[in-house]
Amino acid sequence: MARRKISIDEKIERAEIAVSRAKEKYDAALEELKRLHEKKEELQRAEMMEAVLKSKKSHEEIMAFLSS
């Protein structure tokens, strides 16, 4: 059985499709990474606020500590 020769235009089209699919996967992964970073920051803020509320330090003491 003879193999059909693939034209350069077909190769270009296949490569463009492959690049398009890879870009879609990359964009989805990048969006997930962004969402995870935002979630981490949200959790850190909540943890920090909980620590401040549990502390016996005054507002002034906390602000002085953060400013130093």
Protein backbone atom coordinates (compact mmCIF):
# COMPACT_ATOMS: atom_id res chain seq x y z
CA MET A 1 0.00 0.00 0.00
CA ALA A 2 1.43 3.36 -1.02
CA ARG A 3 1.55 6.20 1.47
CA ARG A 4 -0.08 9.45 0.51
CA LYS A 5 2.29 12.38 0.58
CA ILE A 6 1.11 15.19 2.86
CA SER A 7 1.32 18.64 1.35
CA ILE A 8 3.04 21.51 3.11
CA ASP A 9 -0.33 23.28 3.43
CA GLU A 10 -1.79 20.29 5.28
CA LYS A 11 1.24 20.21 7.56
CA ILE A 12 0.83 23.93 8.27
CA GLU A 13 -2.86 23.48 9.02
CA ARG A 14 -2.14 20.59 11.41
CA ALA A 15 0.57 22.60 13.14
CA GLU A 16 -1.78 25.60 13.52
CA ILE A 17 -4.41 23.34 15.07
CA ALA A 18 -1.85 21.85 17.45
CA VAL A 19 -0.66 25.32 18.49
CA SER A 20 -4.24 26.48 19.00
CA ARG A 21 -5.00 23.51 21.25
CA ALA A 22 -1.80 24.03 23.21
CA LYS A 23 -2.65 27.72 23.69
CA GLU A 24 -6.12 26.84 24.98
CA LYS A 25 -4.59 24.42 27.51
CA TYR A 26 -1.98 27.02 28.50
CA ASP A 27 -4.63 29.72 28.96
CA ALA A 28 -6.77 27.38 31.09
CA ALA A 29 -3.76 26.42 33.23
CA LEU A 30 -2.79 30.07 33.64
CA GLU A 31 -6.34 30.96 34.75
CA GLU A 32 -6.29 28.11 37.28
CA LEU A 33 -2.93 29.30 38.61
CA LYS A 34 -4.29 32.83 38.98
CA ARG A 35 -7.37 31.54 40.81
CA LEU A 36 -5.22 29.48 43.17
CA HIS A 37 -2.95 32.44 43.97
CA GLU A 38 -6.01 34.56 44.75
CA LYS A 39 -7.41 31.82 47.00
CA LYS A 40 -4.08 31.54 48.83
CA GLU A 41 -3.98 35.30 49.43
CA GLU A 42 -7.58 35.21 50.67
CA LEU A 43 -6.72 32.42 53.13
CA GLN A 44 -3.62 34.29 54.33
CA ARG A 45 -5.65 37.46 54.93
CA ALA A 46 -8.23 35.50 56.91
CA GLU A 47 -5.48 33.80 58.94
CA MET A 48 -3.85 37.16 59.66
CA MET A 49 -7.14 38.74 60.70
CA GLU A 50 -7.88 35.82 63.01
CA ALA A 51 -4.45 36.19 64.64
CA VAL A 52 -4.99 39.93 65.13
CA LEU A 53 -8.42 39.38 66.67
CA LYS A 54 -7.06 36.69 69.03
CA SER A 55 -4.09 38.79 70.12
CA LYS A 56 -4.17 40.87 73.26
CA LYS A 57 -2.35 43.72 71.54
CA SER A 58 -3.95 47.09 71.01
CA HIS A 59 -4.52 48.63 67.61
CA GLU A 60 -1.62 51.00 68.20
CA GLU A 61 0.72 48.16 69.17
CA ILE A 62 -0.19 46.16 66.08
CA MET A 63 0.24 49.16 63.79
CA ALA A 64 3.60 49.99 65.37
CA PHE A 65 4.75 46.40 64.88
CA LEU A 66 3.65 46.38 61.23
CA SER A 67 5.33 49.73 60.60
CA SER A 68 8.67 48.65 62.02
